[in-house]
Protein backbone atom coordinates (compact mmCIF):
# COMPACT_ATOMS: atom_id res chain seq x y z
CA UNK A 1 102.60 67.79 84.60
CA UNK A 2 105.57 66.16 83.98
CA UNK A 3 109.18 66.37 85.39
CA UNK A 4 111.99 67.18 83.90
CA UNK A 5 114.94 65.11 84.19
CA UNK A 6 116.88 68.92 85.50
CA UNK A 7 114.41 68.76 88.16
CA UNK A 8 114.51 65.48 89.67
CA UNK A 9 118.64 65.93 89.25
CA UNK A 10 118.55 69.38 92.16
CA UNK A 11 115.74 67.55 93.72
CA UNK A 12 119.04 64.98 94.13
CA UNK A 13 121.58 67.67 94.64
CA UNK A 14 119.38 69.81 97.57
CA UNK A 15 118.34 66.82 99.23
CA UNK A 16 122.24 65.54 99.39
CA UNK A 17 123.19 68.77 100.34
CA UNK A 18 120.81 68.73 103.35
CA UNK A 19 121.65 65.09 103.61
CA UNK A 20 125.37 66.03 104.57
CA UNK A 21 124.69 69.07 106.42
CA UNK A 22 122.64 66.83 108.81
CA UNK A 23 125.50 64.93 109.08
CA UNK A 24 128.56 67.55 109.69
CA UNK A 25 126.40 68.15 113.31
CA UNK A 26 126.29 64.61 114.32
CA UNK A 27 128.40 63.89 117.35
CA UNK A 28 128.39 67.92 118.09
CA UNK A 29 127.70 69.91 121.44
CA UNK A 30 124.16 72.35 121.42
CA UNK A 31 125.91 75.73 121.82
CA UNK A 32 125.06 75.76 125.46
CA UNK A 33 126.77 72.41 126.33
CA UNK A 34 130.14 73.90 124.58
CA UNK A 35 130.02 77.32 126.54
CA UNK A 36 130.23 75.45 129.42
CA UNK A 37 132.57 73.01 128.29
CA UNK A 38 134.79 76.57 126.69
CA UNK A 39 134.10 77.88 130.82
CA UNK A 40 134.45 74.20 132.54
CA UNK A 41 138.07 73.13 130.75
CA UNK A 42 138.37 69.48 129.41
CA UNK A 43 140.89 69.02 131.10
CA UNK A 44 139.07 69.52 134.79
CA UNK A 45 136.37 66.52 133.75
CA UNK A 46 139.03 64.17 131.95
CA UNK A 47 140.63 64.32 135.35
CA UNK A 48 137.06 63.94 137.19
CA UNK A 49 136.83 61.00 134.86
CA UNK A 50 139.72 59.98 135.15
CA UNK A 51 139.48 60.14 139.08
CA UNK A 52 135.91 57.96 139.34
CA UNK A 53 138.05 55.37 137.27
CA UNK A 54 139.64 54.37 140.93
CA UNK A 55 136.75 53.19 142.29
CA UNK A 56 136.93 49.64 140.64
CA UNK A 57 133.56 48.52 143.62
CA UNK A 58 131.06 51.15 141.64
CA UNK A 59 129.14 50.07 138.58
CA UNK A 60 129.09 52.27 135.27
CA UNK A 61 126.33 54.91 136.24
CA UNK A 62 127.69 55.49 139.59
CA UNK A 63 131.33 56.10 139.11
CA UNK A 64 129.19 58.77 136.11
CA UNK A 65 126.95 59.94 139.70
CA UNK A 66 130.29 60.92 141.58
CA UNK A 67 132.10 62.35 138.35
CA UNK A 68 129.64 64.66 138.30
CA UNK A 69 128.79 65.27 141.88
CA UNK A 70 133.18 65.87 141.68
CA UNK A 71 133.42 68.28 139.20
CA UNK A 72 130.04 70.31 140.76
CA UNK A 73 132.17 70.82 143.97
CA UNK A 74 135.25 71.82 142.16
CA UNK A 75 133.62 73.85 139.37
CA UNK A 76 131.98 75.99 142.60
CA UNK A 77 134.71 76.38 144.66
CA UNK A 78 137.54 77.07 141.64
CA UNK A 79 134.75 79.17 139.42
CA UNK A 80 132.36 80.05 141.13
CA UNK A 81 129.99 78.71 138.90
CA UNK A 82 126.86 76.29 139.58
CA UNK A 83 126.62 74.23 136.51
CA UNK A 84 123.56 72.02 135.53
CA UNK A 85 123.43 68.05 136.44
CA UNK A 86 121.71 67.73 133.45
CA UNK A 87 124.88 70.23 131.68
CA UNK A 88 127.71 67.93 133.18
CA UNK A 89 126.57 64.79 132.63
CA UNK A 90 126.41 65.20 128.75
CA UNK A 91 129.62 67.63 129.23
CA UNK A 92 131.15 63.51 131.11
CA UNK A 93 129.41 60.93 128.54
CA UNK A 94 130.57 63.65 125.78
CA UNK A 95 134.28 63.46 126.93
CA UNK A 96 134.06 60.45 128.00
CA UNK A 97 133.26 58.76 124.07
CA UNK A 98 136.42 60.97 123.39
CA UNK A 99 138.39 59.21 124.88
CA UNK A 100 136.72 55.96 123.78
CA UNK A 101 137.60 56.12 120.01
């Protein structure tokens, strides 16, 4: 059984296509998180992150916890929604990474 050059070429094109497809999704949020981000608004998250920067004596993890806690309160009061903590942690990290770039 011999593999021809055209079969190798077809295989290489398929692998490269899969690789580019995978790379295009890199850095994107899962669908559920994107839906929450649309409801909450990136500006709310950014505002909470900026407010947490005022706490100079806290570690990064403590600041993130404060941001998530403040966001949960704000979202409940303004939108009447209860957002899971895991989603908020993901969104805060996503927005923060965009700022750092």
